[in-house]
Amino acid sequence: GFKYLRGMHLNDAKSTFGSRVDRHHSLGEGNIGHDAFRWIMQDDRFDGIPLILETINPDIWAEEIAWLKAQQTEKAVA
């Protein structure tokens, strides 16, 4: 799988898992939550893969990007 991954969009979800509805939300504000994004940022398999922020509020994009970068150095989630 990972050898085929060329990029990934990052957004939380307003809709529930399996609903087949693609409604974006700000990181940590939806049904996915912060832990999933921490895991992505700390997993070496994602190194070198472009991550595209696809959240709903452009006013906080800089904060969300800073938060994502900070997760790379935080203690890993169990």
N, C-alpha and C. Protein backbone atom coordinates (compact mmCIF):
# COMPACT_ATOMS: atom_id res chain seq x y z
N GLY A 1 0.73 -1.19 0.00
CA GLY A 1 0.00 0.00 0.00
C GLY A 1 0.79 1.29 0.00
N PHE A 2 1.72 1.47 0.95
CA PHE A 2 2.41 2.76 1.08
C PHE A 2 3.26 3.09 -0.15
N LYS A 3 3.73 2.08 -0.88
CA LYS A 3 4.55 2.37 -2.05
C LYS A 3 3.74 3.07 -3.14
N TYR A 4 2.43 2.98 -3.10
CA TYR A 4 1.57 3.62 -4.08
C TYR A 4 1.06 4.99 -3.63
N LEU A 5 1.25 5.31 -2.36
CA LEU A 5 0.74 6.57 -1.81
C LEU A 5 1.63 7.73 -2.26
N ARG A 6 1.07 8.68 -2.98
CA ARG A 6 1.82 9.81 -3.52
C ARG A 6 1.48 11.12 -2.83
N GLY A 7 0.42 11.15 -2.06
CA GLY A 7 -0.01 12.35 -1.35
C GLY A 7 -1.26 12.01 -0.55
N MET A 8 -1.59 12.89 0.40
CA MET A 8 -2.74 12.62 1.25
C MET A 8 -3.37 13.93 1.69
N HIS A 9 -4.69 13.98 1.67
CA HIS A 9 -5.42 15.13 2.18
C HIS A 9 -5.67 14.93 3.67
N LEU A 10 -5.52 15.99 4.46
CA LEU A 10 -5.77 15.93 5.89
C LEU A 10 -6.96 16.82 6.23
N ASN A 11 -7.97 16.22 6.80
CA ASN A 11 -9.11 16.96 7.33
C ASN A 11 -9.85 16.07 8.31
N ASP A 12 -10.49 16.69 9.28
CA ASP A 12 -11.35 15.93 10.17
C ASP A 12 -12.70 15.77 9.47
N ALA A 13 -13.60 15.00 10.04
CA ALA A 13 -14.87 14.69 9.37
C ALA A 13 -16.06 15.13 10.21
N LYS A 14 -16.96 15.88 9.58
CA LYS A 14 -18.22 16.24 10.23
C LYS A 14 -19.16 15.04 10.27
N SER A 15 -19.08 14.20 9.26
CA SER A 15 -19.98 13.05 9.16
C SER A 15 -19.40 11.84 9.89
N THR A 16 -20.25 10.89 10.17
CA THR A 16 -19.81 9.69 10.88
C THR A 16 -19.15 8.71 9.93
N PHE A 17 -18.30 7.86 10.49
CA PHE A 17 -17.60 6.84 9.71
C PHE A 17 -18.61 5.94 8.99
N GLY A 18 -18.33 5.68 7.73
CA GLY A 18 -19.18 4.79 6.95
C GLY A 18 -20.43 5.44 6.38
N SER A 19 -20.60 6.74 6.60
CA SER A 19 -21.81 7.42 6.13
C SER A 19 -21.79 7.70 4.63
N ARG A 20 -20.61 7.57 4.02
CA ARG A 20 -20.43 7.87 2.59
C ARG A 20 -20.70 9.34 2.29
N VAL A 21 -20.53 10.19 3.31
CA VAL A 21 -20.69 11.63 3.17
C VAL A 21 -19.33 12.26 3.46
N ASP A 22 -18.85 13.10 2.56
CA ASP A 22 -17.53 13.72 2.70
C ASP A 22 -17.70 15.19 3.10
N ARG A 23 -17.83 15.44 4.40
CA ARG A 23 -17.96 16.79 4.93
C ARG A 23 -16.76 17.07 5.82
N HIS A 24 -15.94 18.02 5.41
CA HIS A 24 -14.70 18.31 6.12
C HIS A 24 -14.95 19.14 7.38
N HIS A 25 -13.98 19.02 8.31
CA HIS A 25 -14.02 19.80 9.54
C HIS A 25 -12.58 20.16 9.91
N SER A 26 -12.44 21.09 10.84
CA SER A 26 -11.12 21.48 11.33
C SER A 26 -10.50 20.31 12.10
N LEU A 27 -9.16 20.25 12.13
CA LEU A 27 -8.46 19.17 12.81
C LEU A 27 -8.88 19.10 14.28
N GLY A 28 -9.23 17.91 14.72
CA GLY A 28 -9.60 17.69 16.11
C GLY A 28 -11.02 18.10 16.46
N GLU A 29 -11.75 18.67 15.53
CA GLU A 29 -13.11 19.15 15.80
C GLU A 29 -14.19 18.20 15.30
N GLY A 30 -13.79 17.17 14.60
CA GLY A 30 -14.78 16.25 14.03
C GLY A 30 -14.71 14.86 14.64
N ASN A 31 -15.16 13.89 13.89
CA ASN A 31 -15.25 12.51 14.37
C ASN A 31 -13.94 11.73 14.30
N ILE A 32 -12.93 12.28 13.66
CA ILE A 32 -11.64 11.60 13.59
C ILE A 32 -10.83 11.91 14.85
N GLY A 33 -10.74 13.18 15.22
CA GLY A 33 -10.06 13.57 16.45
C GLY A 33 -8.56 13.75 16.30
N HIS A 34 -7.94 14.34 17.32
CA HIS A 34 -6.52 14.68 17.30
C HIS A 34 -5.60 13.46 17.22
N ASP A 35 -5.94 12.38 17.90
CA ASP A 35 -5.02 11.24 17.99
C ASP A 35 -4.65 10.67 16.63
N ALA A 36 -5.59 10.61 15.71
CA ALA A 36 -5.29 10.07 14.38
C ALA A 36 -4.27 10.93 13.65
N PHE A 37 -4.39 12.25 13.78
CA PHE A 37 -3.45 13.14 13.11
C PHE A 37 -2.08 13.10 13.78
N ARG A 38 -2.04 12.94 15.11
CA ARG A 38 -0.77 12.75 15.82
C ARG A 38 -0.07 11.50 15.28
N TRP A 39 -0.82 10.44 15.15
CA TRP A 39 -0.27 9.17 14.67
C TRP A 39 0.32 9.34 13.27
N ILE A 40 -0.40 10.00 12.38
CA ILE A 40 0.09 10.23 11.02
C ILE A 40 1.39 11.01 11.05
N MET A 41 1.45 12.06 11.85
CA MET A 41 2.63 12.93 11.87
C MET A 41 3.83 12.23 12.51
N GLN A 42 3.60 11.20 13.32
CA GLN A 42 4.70 10.51 13.99
C GLN A 42 5.10 9.20 13.31
N ASP A 43 4.37 8.81 12.30
CA ASP A 43 4.63 7.54 11.61
C ASP A 43 5.63 7.77 10.47
N ASP A 44 6.79 7.14 10.56
CA ASP A 44 7.85 7.32 9.56
C ASP A 44 7.42 6.95 8.14
N ARG A 45 6.41 6.11 8.01
CA ARG A 45 5.97 5.71 6.67
C ARG A 45 5.40 6.88 5.87
N PHE A 46 5.01 7.95 6.55
CA PHE A 46 4.47 9.12 5.86
C PHE A 46 5.55 10.15 5.52
N ASP A 47 6.79 9.92 5.96
CA ASP A 47 7.88 10.85 5.64
C ASP A 47 8.03 10.97 4.13
N GLY A 48 8.12 12.18 3.64
CA GLY A 48 8.31 12.41 2.22
C GLY A 48 7.03 12.38 1.40
N ILE A 49 5.90 12.11 2.03
CA ILE A 49 4.62 12.11 1.32
C ILE A 49 3.96 13.47 1.53
N PRO A 50 3.62 14.17 0.46
CA PRO A 50 2.96 15.48 0.62
C PRO A 50 1.62 15.34 1.35
N LEU A 51 1.42 16.20 2.33
CA LEU A 51 0.17 16.24 3.08
C LEU A 51 -0.52 17.55 2.76
N ILE A 52 -1.76 17.49 2.31
CA ILE A 52 -2.50 18.67 1.88
C ILE A 52 -3.61 18.94 2.88
N LEU A 53 -3.52 20.09 3.55
CA LEU A 53 -4.54 20.47 4.52
C LEU A 53 -5.83 20.82 3.79
N GLU A 54 -6.90 20.17 4.17
CA GLU A 54 -8.18 20.34 3.47
C GLU A 54 -9.29 20.58 4.51
N THR A 55 -9.05 21.56 5.38
CA THR A 55 -10.01 21.86 6.43
C THR A 55 -10.84 23.08 6.04
N ILE A 56 -11.85 23.40 6.86
CA ILE A 56 -12.89 24.34 6.45
C ILE A 56 -12.65 25.80 6.78
N ASN A 57 -11.71 26.11 7.66
CA ASN A 57 -11.57 27.49 8.12
C ASN A 57 -10.20 28.06 7.77
N PRO A 58 -10.10 28.84 6.70
CA PRO A 58 -8.80 29.39 6.30
C PRO A 58 -8.18 30.30 7.35
N ASP A 59 -9.00 30.84 8.25
CA ASP A 59 -8.48 31.72 9.30
C ASP A 59 -7.56 30.99 10.27
N ILE A 60 -7.69 29.67 10.38
CA ILE A 60 -6.85 28.92 11.32
C ILE A 60 -5.90 27.94 10.63
N TRP A 61 -5.75 28.05 9.31
CA TRP A 61 -4.84 27.14 8.61
C TRP A 61 -3.43 27.22 9.16
N ALA A 62 -2.92 28.41 9.42
CA ALA A 62 -1.55 28.54 9.94
C ALA A 62 -1.43 27.83 11.29
N GLU A 63 -2.44 27.96 12.14
CA GLU A 63 -2.43 27.28 13.44
C GLU A 63 -2.48 25.77 13.28
N GLU A 64 -3.30 25.30 12.36
CA GLU A 64 -3.40 23.86 12.14
C GLU A 64 -2.09 23.29 11.60
N ILE A 65 -1.45 24.00 10.70
CA ILE A 65 -0.16 23.55 10.16
C ILE A 65 0.88 23.53 11.27
N ALA A 66 0.92 24.58 12.10
CA ALA A 66 1.86 24.62 13.23
C ALA A 66 1.60 23.46 14.19
N TRP A 67 0.33 23.16 14.46
CA TRP A 67 -0.01 22.06 15.35
C TRP A 67 0.46 20.73 14.76
N LEU A 68 0.22 20.52 13.46
CA LEU A 68 0.67 19.28 12.82
C LEU A 68 2.18 19.13 12.92
N LYS A 69 2.92 20.19 12.64
CA LYS A 69 4.38 20.13 12.72
C LYS A 69 4.84 19.82 14.14
N ALA A 70 4.17 20.39 15.13
CA ALA A 70 4.53 20.14 16.53
C ALA A 70 4.32 18.68 16.91
N GLN A 71 3.38 18.01 16.27
CA GLN A 71 3.11 16.61 16.60
C GLN A 71 4.24 15.69 16.20
N GLN A 72 5.08 16.12 15.27
CA GLN A 72 6.21 15.29 14.84
C GLN A 72 7.20 15.07 15.97
N THR A 73 7.26 15.99 16.91
CA THR A 73 8.24 15.88 17.99
C THR A 73 7.61 15.53 19.32
N GLU A 74 6.28 15.45 19.37
CA GLU A 74 5.60 15.07 20.61
C GLU A 74 5.80 13.58 20.88
N LYS A 75 5.58 13.19 22.12
CA LYS A 75 5.67 11.78 22.48
C LYS A 75 4.63 10.99 21.69
N ALA A 76 5.03 9.85 21.18
CA ALA A 76 4.15 9.03 20.35
C ALA A 76 2.91 8.60 21.12
N VAL A 77 1.81 8.51 20.41
CA VAL A 77 0.56 8.04 20.98
C VAL A 77 0.60 6.52 21.03
N ALA A 78 0.15 5.96 22.14
CA ALA A 78 0.17 4.50 22.29
C ALA A 78 -0.81 3.83 21.37
